[in-house]
Amino acid sequence: MRKYLSIALAIVILDLISKQWIFNHLDLGSALVLNSFLNIVHFQNTGAAFSFLSEASGWQRYFFIGISLAAIFIITRLIHQRLKQPLLCLALSFILGGAMGNLCDRSYYGFVIDFIYVHYDAFYWPAFNVADSFISTGVGLILYDAFKNKKPLLS
């Protein structure tokens, strides 16, 4: 269990360091163009994925904090219950670290700092951050593990 919680903590630290660098070095809305498909930007997202509920009146901050806390509790419990499934536990630790990183932002600032901006010509993917990257990777690993082992997560 300690190994998976350490992975999650390392993700939180990496996420918070990267977001703090963006917060301190890039003005809101400004961008560093790295190449033809990747920019580093400074966005502040008061919503969830794809800016869901970002235009709400402020209640969404507490709603997403509550969702994050519930997810952290459930994921920690799942890791403890599935210690004999290392790939699943690794995936869950990725999601746990990402959830905790975004929770720190939302609790402290009231928004999540997003800064990775991928695009192709005029087609832009919504900006995201290190925490979001680990959450997505964790979900992908869970799907891979479920198909590989043909076992449901919550059996």
N, C-alpha and C. Protein backbone atom coordinates (compact mmCIF):
# COMPACT_ATOMS: atom_id res chain seq x y z
N MET A 1 0.84 -1.19 0.00
CA MET A 1 0.00 0.00 0.00
C MET A 1 0.88 1.25 0.00
N ARG A 2 1.95 1.21 0.77
CA ARG A 2 2.84 2.37 0.89
C ARG A 2 3.42 2.77 -0.47
N LYS A 3 3.75 1.76 -1.28
CA LYS A 3 4.33 2.03 -2.61
C LYS A 3 3.35 2.83 -3.48
N TYR A 4 2.08 2.44 -3.47
CA TYR A 4 1.10 3.12 -4.32
C TYR A 4 0.76 4.51 -3.81
N LEU A 5 0.74 4.68 -2.50
CA LEU A 5 0.53 6.02 -1.95
C LEU A 5 1.73 6.92 -2.22
N SER A 6 2.93 6.34 -2.24
CA SER A 6 4.13 7.12 -2.57
C SER A 6 4.09 7.59 -4.02
N ILE A 7 3.62 6.72 -4.91
CA ILE A 7 3.48 7.10 -6.33
C ILE A 7 2.49 8.26 -6.44
N ALA A 8 1.36 8.14 -5.75
CA ALA A 8 0.36 9.21 -5.79
C ALA A 8 0.94 10.52 -5.25
N LEU A 9 1.69 10.44 -4.17
CA LEU A 9 2.29 11.64 -3.59
C LEU A 9 3.30 12.26 -4.55
N ALA A 10 4.09 11.43 -5.23
CA ALA A 10 5.05 11.96 -6.22
C ALA A 10 4.33 12.69 -7.34
N ILE A 11 3.20 12.16 -7.76
CA ILE A 11 2.39 12.81 -8.81
C ILE A 11 1.88 14.16 -8.32
N VAL A 12 1.39 14.20 -7.09
CA VAL A 12 0.91 15.47 -6.51
C VAL A 12 2.04 16.50 -6.51
N ILE A 13 3.21 16.10 -6.07
CA ILE A 13 4.35 17.03 -6.00
C ILE A 13 4.72 17.53 -7.39
N LEU A 14 4.84 16.63 -8.36
CA LEU A 14 5.15 17.02 -9.73
C LEU A 14 4.09 17.96 -10.29
N ASP A 15 2.84 17.65 -10.03
CA ASP A 15 1.73 18.48 -10.51
C ASP A 15 1.78 19.87 -9.89
N LEU A 16 1.95 19.94 -8.58
CA LEU A 16 1.94 21.24 -7.90
C LEU A 16 3.15 22.09 -8.29
N ILE A 17 4.31 21.46 -8.46
CA ILE A 17 5.50 22.21 -8.88
C ILE A 17 5.28 22.79 -10.28
N SER A 18 4.75 21.99 -11.18
CA SER A 18 4.54 22.48 -12.55
C SER A 18 3.51 23.61 -12.58
N LYS A 19 2.44 23.47 -11.84
CA LYS A 19 1.41 24.51 -11.81
C LYS A 19 1.95 25.79 -11.16
N GLN A 20 2.75 25.64 -10.12
CA GLN A 20 3.30 26.83 -9.46
C GLN A 20 4.24 27.57 -10.40
N TRP A 21 5.01 26.84 -11.19
CA TRP A 21 5.90 27.48 -12.15
C TRP A 21 5.07 28.29 -13.15
N ILE A 22 4.01 27.69 -13.67
CA ILE A 22 3.13 28.39 -14.61
C ILE A 22 2.55 29.64 -13.95
N PHE A 23 2.03 29.48 -12.74
CA PHE A 23 1.41 30.59 -12.02
C PHE A 23 2.40 31.74 -11.81
N ASN A 24 3.64 31.42 -11.52
CA ASN A 24 4.66 32.44 -11.22
C ASN A 24 5.32 33.04 -12.46
N HIS A 25 5.33 32.33 -13.58
CA HIS A 25 6.12 32.78 -14.73
C HIS A 25 5.33 33.15 -15.98
N LEU A 26 4.07 32.79 -16.03
CA LEU A 26 3.26 33.14 -17.21
C LEU A 26 2.04 33.94 -16.77
N ASP A 27 1.81 35.06 -17.42
CA ASP A 27 0.60 35.82 -17.15
C ASP A 27 -0.61 35.02 -17.62
N LEU A 28 -1.73 35.23 -16.97
CA LEU A 28 -2.97 34.56 -17.33
C LEU A 28 -3.27 34.76 -18.81
N GLY A 29 -3.47 33.68 -19.53
CA GLY A 29 -3.78 33.74 -20.96
C GLY A 29 -2.58 33.79 -21.88
N SER A 30 -1.39 34.01 -21.33
CA SER A 30 -0.21 34.06 -22.20
C SER A 30 0.27 32.66 -22.52
N ALA A 31 1.08 32.56 -23.60
CA ALA A 31 1.50 31.24 -24.07
C ALA A 31 2.96 31.24 -24.49
N LEU A 32 3.59 30.10 -24.30
CA LEU A 32 4.91 29.81 -24.86
C LEU A 32 4.68 28.79 -25.97
N VAL A 33 5.04 29.12 -27.18
CA VAL A 33 4.88 28.20 -28.30
C VAL A 33 6.11 27.30 -28.33
N LEU A 34 5.90 26.00 -28.12
CA LEU A 34 7.02 25.06 -28.12
C LEU A 34 7.29 24.49 -29.51
N ASN A 35 6.22 24.18 -30.22
CA ASN A 35 6.36 23.69 -31.60
C ASN A 35 5.01 23.84 -32.30
N SER A 36 4.85 23.21 -33.44
CA SER A 36 3.64 23.42 -34.26
C SER A 36 2.39 22.78 -33.67
N PHE A 37 2.52 21.98 -32.62
CA PHE A 37 1.33 21.32 -32.06
C PHE A 37 1.22 21.43 -30.54
N LEU A 38 2.18 22.10 -29.89
CA LEU A 38 2.16 22.16 -28.43
C LEU A 38 2.54 23.54 -27.92
N ASN A 39 1.67 24.10 -27.09
CA ASN A 39 1.92 25.37 -26.42
C ASN A 39 1.84 25.15 -24.92
N ILE A 40 2.56 25.96 -24.18
CA ILE A 40 2.40 26.03 -22.73
C ILE A 40 1.68 27.35 -22.46
N VAL A 41 0.54 27.26 -21.80
CA VAL A 41 -0.31 28.43 -21.58
C VAL A 41 -0.61 28.56 -20.09
N HIS A 42 -1.27 29.63 -19.72
CA HIS A 42 -1.75 29.78 -18.35
C HIS A 42 -3.24 30.02 -18.40
N PHE A 43 -3.98 28.96 -18.09
CA PHE A 43 -5.44 29.04 -17.99
C PHE A 43 -5.84 28.70 -16.56
N GLN A 44 -6.95 29.26 -16.13
CA GLN A 44 -7.51 28.95 -14.83
C GLN A 44 -8.93 28.44 -15.03
N ASN A 45 -9.14 27.17 -14.71
CA ASN A 45 -10.41 26.50 -14.98
C ASN A 45 -11.19 26.34 -13.68
N THR A 46 -12.32 27.05 -13.57
CA THR A 46 -13.17 26.93 -12.39
C THR A 46 -14.12 25.74 -12.51
N GLY A 47 -14.14 25.11 -13.67
CA GLY A 47 -15.01 23.96 -13.88
C GLY A 47 -14.25 22.66 -13.76
N ALA A 48 -14.79 21.65 -14.42
CA ALA A 48 -14.16 20.32 -14.44
C ALA A 48 -13.61 20.08 -15.84
N ALA A 49 -13.53 18.83 -16.24
CA ALA A 49 -13.01 18.48 -17.56
C ALA A 49 -13.76 19.24 -18.65
N PHE A 50 -13.01 19.73 -19.62
CA PHE A 50 -13.55 20.50 -20.75
C PHE A 50 -14.32 21.73 -20.27
N SER A 51 -13.92 22.28 -19.12
CA SER A 51 -14.53 23.47 -18.50
C SER A 51 -16.00 23.28 -18.13
N PHE A 52 -16.40 22.03 -17.90
CA PHE A 52 -17.77 21.73 -17.49
C PHE A 52 -18.11 22.51 -16.23
N LEU A 53 -19.19 23.25 -16.26
CA LEU A 53 -19.70 24.08 -15.16
C LEU A 53 -18.81 25.28 -14.83
N SER A 54 -17.90 25.65 -15.70
CA SER A 54 -17.01 26.78 -15.40
C SER A 54 -17.75 28.11 -15.32
N GLU A 55 -18.90 28.20 -15.94
CA GLU A 55 -19.66 29.45 -15.93
C GLU A 55 -20.66 29.51 -14.79
N ALA A 56 -20.68 28.50 -13.91
CA ALA A 56 -21.60 28.51 -12.77
C ALA A 56 -21.20 29.62 -11.79
N SER A 57 -22.04 29.88 -10.83
CA SER A 57 -21.87 31.05 -9.97
C SER A 57 -20.88 30.87 -8.81
N GLY A 58 -20.20 29.76 -8.71
CA GLY A 58 -19.22 29.55 -7.65
C GLY A 58 -19.47 28.30 -6.82
N TRP A 59 -20.69 27.82 -6.82
CA TRP A 59 -21.02 26.63 -6.05
C TRP A 59 -20.26 25.40 -6.53
N GLN A 60 -19.85 25.42 -7.81
CA GLN A 60 -19.17 24.26 -8.39
C GLN A 60 -17.84 23.96 -7.70
N ARG A 61 -17.21 24.99 -7.15
CA ARG A 61 -15.95 24.78 -6.43
C ARG A 61 -16.15 23.75 -5.32
N TYR A 62 -17.18 23.95 -4.50
CA TYR A 62 -17.44 23.06 -3.37
C TYR A 62 -17.96 21.70 -3.83
N PHE A 63 -18.72 21.71 -4.91
CA PHE A 63 -19.21 20.46 -5.48
C PHE A 63 -18.03 19.59 -5.94
N PHE A 64 -17.08 20.19 -6.67
CA PHE A 64 -15.94 19.42 -7.16
C PHE A 64 -14.97 19.04 -6.03
N ILE A 65 -14.88 19.86 -5.00
CA ILE A 65 -14.09 19.47 -3.83
C ILE A 65 -14.70 18.24 -3.18
N GLY A 66 -16.02 18.23 -3.04
CA GLY A 66 -16.71 17.07 -2.47
C GLY A 66 -16.53 15.81 -3.30
N ILE A 67 -16.66 15.96 -4.62
CA ILE A 67 -16.46 14.82 -5.52
C ILE A 67 -15.02 14.30 -5.38
N SER A 68 -14.05 15.21 -5.33
CA SER A 68 -12.65 14.81 -5.21
C SER A 68 -12.40 14.07 -3.90
N LEU A 69 -12.93 14.58 -2.81
CA LEU A 69 -12.74 13.92 -1.52
C LEU A 69 -13.35 12.52 -1.52
N ALA A 70 -14.54 12.39 -2.09
CA ALA A 70 -15.17 11.07 -2.18
C ALA A 70 -14.34 10.12 -3.05
N ALA A 71 -13.84 10.63 -4.17
CA ALA A 71 -13.01 9.81 -5.06
C ALA A 71 -11.73 9.36 -4.36
N ILE A 72 -11.10 10.26 -3.63
CA ILE A 72 -9.87 9.93 -2.91
C ILE A 72 -10.13 8.82 -1.90
N PHE A 73 -11.22 8.91 -1.17
CA PHE A 73 -11.58 7.88 -0.19
C PHE A 73 -11.82 6.54 -0.89
N ILE A 74 -12.62 6.54 -1.94
CA ILE A 74 -12.95 5.30 -2.66
C ILE A 74 -11.72 4.68 -3.31
N ILE A 75 -10.90 5.50 -3.95
CA ILE A 75 -9.71 4.98 -4.63
C ILE A 75 -8.72 4.40 -3.62
N THR A 76 -8.52 5.08 -2.50
CA THR A 76 -7.62 4.56 -1.47
C THR A 76 -8.11 3.20 -0.97
N ARG A 77 -9.39 3.09 -0.77
CA ARG A 77 -9.99 1.81 -0.33
C ARG A 77 -9.83 0.73 -1.39
N LEU A 78 -10.03 1.08 -2.65
CA LEU A 78 -9.85 0.12 -3.74
C LEU A 78 -8.41 -0.38 -3.84
N ILE A 79 -7.46 0.54 -3.69
CA ILE A 79 -6.05 0.13 -3.72
C ILE A 79 -5.80 -0.89 -2.61
N HIS A 80 -6.28 -0.58 -1.42
CA HIS A 80 -6.09 -1.49 -0.28
C HIS A 80 -6.72 -2.86 -0.53
N GLN A 81 -7.87 -2.89 -1.18
CA GLN A 81 -8.57 -4.14 -1.44
C GLN A 81 -7.96 -4.94 -2.59
N ARG A 82 -7.21 -4.29 -3.47
CA ARG A 82 -6.72 -4.95 -4.69
C ARG A 82 -5.19 -5.04 -4.74
N LEU A 83 -4.54 -5.13 -3.62
CA LEU A 83 -3.08 -5.12 -3.58
C LEU A 83 -2.45 -6.24 -4.40
N LYS A 84 -3.17 -7.31 -4.67
CA LYS A 84 -2.63 -8.41 -5.47
C LYS A 84 -2.80 -8.18 -6.97
N GLN A 85 -3.28 -7.00 -7.34
CA GLN A 85 -3.43 -6.62 -8.74
C GLN A 85 -2.57 -5.38 -9.00
N PRO A 86 -1.27 -5.58 -9.24
CA PRO A 86 -0.34 -4.43 -9.30
C PRO A 86 -0.66 -3.42 -10.40
N LEU A 87 -1.07 -3.86 -11.58
CA LEU A 87 -1.37 -2.90 -12.64
C LEU A 87 -2.58 -2.05 -12.27
N LEU A 88 -3.59 -2.67 -11.72
CA LEU A 88 -4.77 -1.92 -11.28
C LEU A 88 -4.40 -0.94 -10.18
N CYS A 89 -3.59 -1.36 -9.23
CA CYS A 89 -3.18 -0.46 -8.15
C CYS A 89 -2.34 0.71 -8.66
N LEU A 90 -1.49 0.44 -9.64
CA LEU A 90 -0.71 1.52 -10.25
C LEU A 90 -1.65 2.52 -10.93
N ALA A 91 -2.61 2.00 -11.69
CA ALA A 91 -3.58 2.87 -12.36
C ALA A 91 -4.35 3.71 -11.34
N LEU A 92 -4.79 3.07 -10.28
CA LEU A 92 -5.54 3.79 -9.24
C LEU A 92 -4.66 4.83 -8.55
N SER A 93 -3.38 4.53 -8.37
CA SER A 93 -2.49 5.52 -7.74
C SER A 93 -2.28 6.71 -8.67
N PHE A 94 -2.26 6.49 -9.98
CA PHE A 94 -2.19 7.61 -10.93
C PHE A 94 -3.42 8.51 -10.79
N ILE A 95 -4.60 7.90 -10.73
CA ILE A 95 -5.84 8.67 -10.60
C ILE A 95 -5.88 9.38 -9.26
N LEU A 96 -5.46 8.68 -8.21
CA LEU A 96 -5.43 9.27 -6.87
C LEU A 96 -4.53 10.50 -6.84
N GLY A 97 -3.32 10.38 -7.36
CA GLY A 97 -2.40 11.51 -7.39
C GLY A 97 -2.96 12.68 -8.18
N GLY A 98 -3.56 12.40 -9.31
CA GLY A 98 -4.16 13.46 -10.12
C GLY A 98 -5.31 14.14 -9.42
N ALA A 99 -6.16 13.34 -8.79
CA ALA A 99 -7.30 13.91 -8.06
C ALA A 99 -6.83 14.79 -6.91
N MET A 100 -5.79 14.34 -6.21
CA MET A 100 -5.26 15.12 -5.09
C MET A 100 -4.60 16.41 -5.58
N GLY A 101 -3.89 16.35 -6.70
CA GLY A 101 -3.27 17.56 -7.24
C GLY A 101 -4.30 18.61 -7.62
N ASN A 102 -5.34 18.19 -8.33
CA ASN A 102 -6.38 19.14 -8.72
C ASN A 102 -7.18 19.63 -7.50
N LEU A 103 -7.36 18.76 -6.50
CA LEU A 103 -8.04 19.17 -5.28
C LEU A 103 -7.25 20.27 -4.56
N CYS A 104 -5.94 20.15 -4.53
CA CYS A 104 -5.11 21.20 -3.90
C CYS A 104 -5.34 22.55 -4.57
N ASP A 105 -5.31 22.55 -5.90
CA ASP A 105 -5.56 23.80 -6.64
C ASP A 105 -6.94 24.37 -6.33
N ARG A 106 -7.93 23.51 -6.45
CA ARG A 106 -9.31 23.97 -6.28
C ARG A 106 -9.54 24.48 -4.86
N SER A 107 -8.95 23.81 -3.88
CA SER A 107 -9.12 24.24 -2.48
C SER A 107 -8.40 25.55 -2.21
N TYR A 108 -7.20 25.72 -2.74
CA TYR A 108 -6.39 26.90 -2.45
C TYR A 108 -6.80 28.11 -3.30
N TYR A 109 -6.93 27.90 -4.61
CA TYR A 109 -7.19 29.00 -5.53
C TYR A 109 -8.67 29.18 -5.87
N GLY A 110 -9.42 28.10 -5.84
CA GLY A 110 -10.80 28.15 -6.33
C GLY A 110 -10.90 27.79 -7.79
N PHE A 111 -9.79 27.42 -8.40
CA PHE A 111 -9.73 26.99 -9.79
C PHE A 111 -8.56 26.04 -9.95
N VAL A 112 -8.51 25.38 -11.10
CA VAL A 112 -7.40 24.48 -11.43
C VAL A 112 -6.57 25.14 -12.52
N ILE A 113 -5.26 25.12 -12.35
CA ILE A 113 -4.36 25.70 -13.35
C ILE A 113 -4.13 24.65 -14.44
N ASP A 114 -4.48 25.00 -15.67
CA ASP A 114 -4.23 24.16 -16.85
C ASP A 114 -3.20 24.85 -17.71
N PHE A 115 -2.32 24.07 -18.35
CA PHE A 115 -1.25 24.73 -19.10
C PHE A 115 -0.75 23.96 -20.32
N ILE A 116 -1.10 22.72 -20.49
CA ILE A 116 -0.66 21.96 -21.66
C ILE A 116 -1.73 22.12 -22.73
N TYR A 117 -1.34 22.68 -23.86
CA TYR A 117 -2.31 23.04 -24.90
C TYR A 117 -1.87 22.42 -26.23
N VAL A 118 -2.52 21.35 -26.60
CA VAL A 118 -2.19 20.59 -27.81
C VAL A 118 -3.15 21.00 -28.92
N HIS A 119 -2.60 21.15 -30.13
CA HIS A 119 -3.45 21.55 -31.26
C HIS A 119 -2.89 21.03 -32.57
N TYR A 120 -3.76 20.99 -33.54
CA TYR A 120 -3.36 20.70 -34.92
C TYR A 120 -4.06 21.71 -35.81
N ASP A 121 -3.29 22.53 -36.47
CA ASP A 121 -3.84 23.65 -37.25
C ASP A 121 -4.78 24.46 -36.37
N ALA A 122 -6.06 24.54 -36.74
CA ALA A 122 -7.02 25.33 -35.97
C ALA A 122 -7.81 24.48 -34.98
N PHE A 123 -7.46 23.22 -34.82
CA PHE A 123 -8.17 22.32 -33.91
C PHE A 123 -7.39 22.22 -32.60
N TYR A 124 -7.99 22.71 -31.52
CA TYR A 124 -7.34 22.74 -30.22
C TYR A 124 -8.03 21.81 -29.24
N TRP A 125 -7.24 20.98 -28.56
CA TRP A 125 -7.75 20.16 -27.46
C TRP A 125 -7.81 21.08 -26.25
N PRO A 126 -8.81 20.93 -25.38
CA PRO A 126 -8.84 21.78 -24.18
C PRO A 126 -7.55 21.64 -23.37
N ALA A 127 -7.12 22.74 -22.79
CA ALA A 127 -5.88 22.73 -21.99
C ALA A 127 -6.04 21.79 -20.80
N PHE A 128 -4.92 21.19 -20.41
CA PHE A 128 -4.93 20.27 -19.28
C PHE A 128 -3.62 20.42 -18.51
N ASN A 129 -3.41 19.60 -17.50
CA ASN A 129 -2.23 19.71 -16.65
C ASN A 129 -1.65 18.34 -16.35
N VAL A 130 -0.64 18.28 -15.51
CA VAL A 130 0.02 17.01 -15.16
C VAL A 130 -0.97 16.08 -14.46
N ALA A 131 -1.76 16.61 -13.53
CA ALA A 131 -2.75 15.78 -12.83
C ALA A 131 -3.72 15.14 -13.81
N ASP A 132 -4.23 15.94 -14.74
CA ASP A 132 -5.16 15.42 -15.74
C ASP A 132 -4.51 14.33 -16.59
N SER A 133 -3.23 14.50 -16.91
CA SER A 133 -2.51 13.50 -17.70
C SER A 133 -2.43 12.18 -16.96
N PHE A 134 -2.15 12.22 -15.66
CA PHE A 134 -2.07 10.98 -14.89
C PHE A 134 -3.45 10.37 -14.69
N ILE A 135 -4.48 11.18 -14.52
CA ILE A 135 -5.84 10.64 -14.41
C ILE A 135 -6.20 9.91 -15.69
N SER A 136 -5.95 10.52 -16.83
CA SER A 136 -6.26 9.89 -18.12
C SER A 136 -5.47 8.61 -18.33
N THR A 137 -4.18 8.64 -17.98
CA THR A 137 -3.34 7.45 -18.11
C THR A 137 -3.85 6.35 -17.19
N GLY A 138 -4.22 6.72 -15.97
CA GLY A 138 -4.77 5.74 -15.02
C GLY A 138 -6.04 5.09 -15.54
N VAL A 139 -6.93 5.88 -16.11
CA VAL A 139 -8.17 5.33 -16.68
C VAL A 139 -7.83 4.38 -17.83
N GLY A 140 -6.88 4.78 -18.67
CA GLY A 140 -6.46 3.91 -19.77
C GLY A 140 -5.89 2.58 -19.27
N LEU A 141 -5.09 2.63 -18.20
CA LEU A 141 -4.53 1.41 -17.62
C LEU A 141 -5.62 0.53 -17.01
N ILE A 142 -6.62 1.14 -16.40
CA ILE A 142 -7.74 0.36 -15.85
C ILE A 142 -8.47 -0.36 -16.97
N LEU A 143 -8.72 0.34 -18.07
CA LEU A 143 -9.41 -0.29 -19.21
C LEU A 143 -8.56 -1.42 -19.78
N TYR A 144 -7.27 -1.17 -19.93
CA TYR A 144 -6.37 -2.22 -20.42
C TYR A 144 -6.40 -3.43 -19.49
N ASP A 145 -6.29 -3.18 -18.20
CA ASP A 145 -6.29 -4.26 -17.21
C ASP A 145 -7.62 -5.03 -17.23
N ALA A 146 -8.72 -4.31 -17.36
CA ALA A 146 -10.03 -4.96 -17.38
C ALA A 146 -10.17 -5.86 -18.61
N PHE A 147 -9.73 -5.39 -19.76
CA PHE A 147 -9.82 -6.21 -20.97
C PHE A 147 -8.84 -7.38 -20.94
N LYS A 148 -7.66 -7.12 -20.41
CA LYS A 148 -6.64 -8.16 -20.34
C LYS A 148 -7.06 -9.28 -19.39
N ASN A 149 -7.57 -8.92 -18.23
CA ASN A 149 -7.94 -9.91 -17.21
C ASN A 149 -9.40 -10.31 -17.25
N LYS A 150 -10.18 -9.60 -18.04
CA LYS A 150 -11.63 -9.87 -18.14
C LYS A 150 -12.30 -9.90 -16.76
N LYS A 151 -11.87 -8.98 -15.89
CA LYS A 151 -12.43 -8.88 -14.55
C LYS A 151 -12.98 -7.46 -14.37
N PRO A 152 -14.18 -7.33 -13.83
CA PRO A 152 -14.68 -5.98 -13.52
C PRO A 152 -13.94 -5.39 -12.32
N LEU A 153 -13.82 -4.08 -12.32
CA LEU A 153 -13.11 -3.37 -11.24
C LEU A 153 -13.79 -3.60 -9.90
N LEU A 154 -15.07 -3.50 -9.87
CA LEU A 154 -15.81 -3.52 -8.60
C LEU A 154 -16.51 -4.85 -8.37
N SER A 155 -15.84 -5.96 -8.62
CA SER A 155 -16.49 -7.27 -8.41
C SER A 155 -16.39 -7.69 -6.96
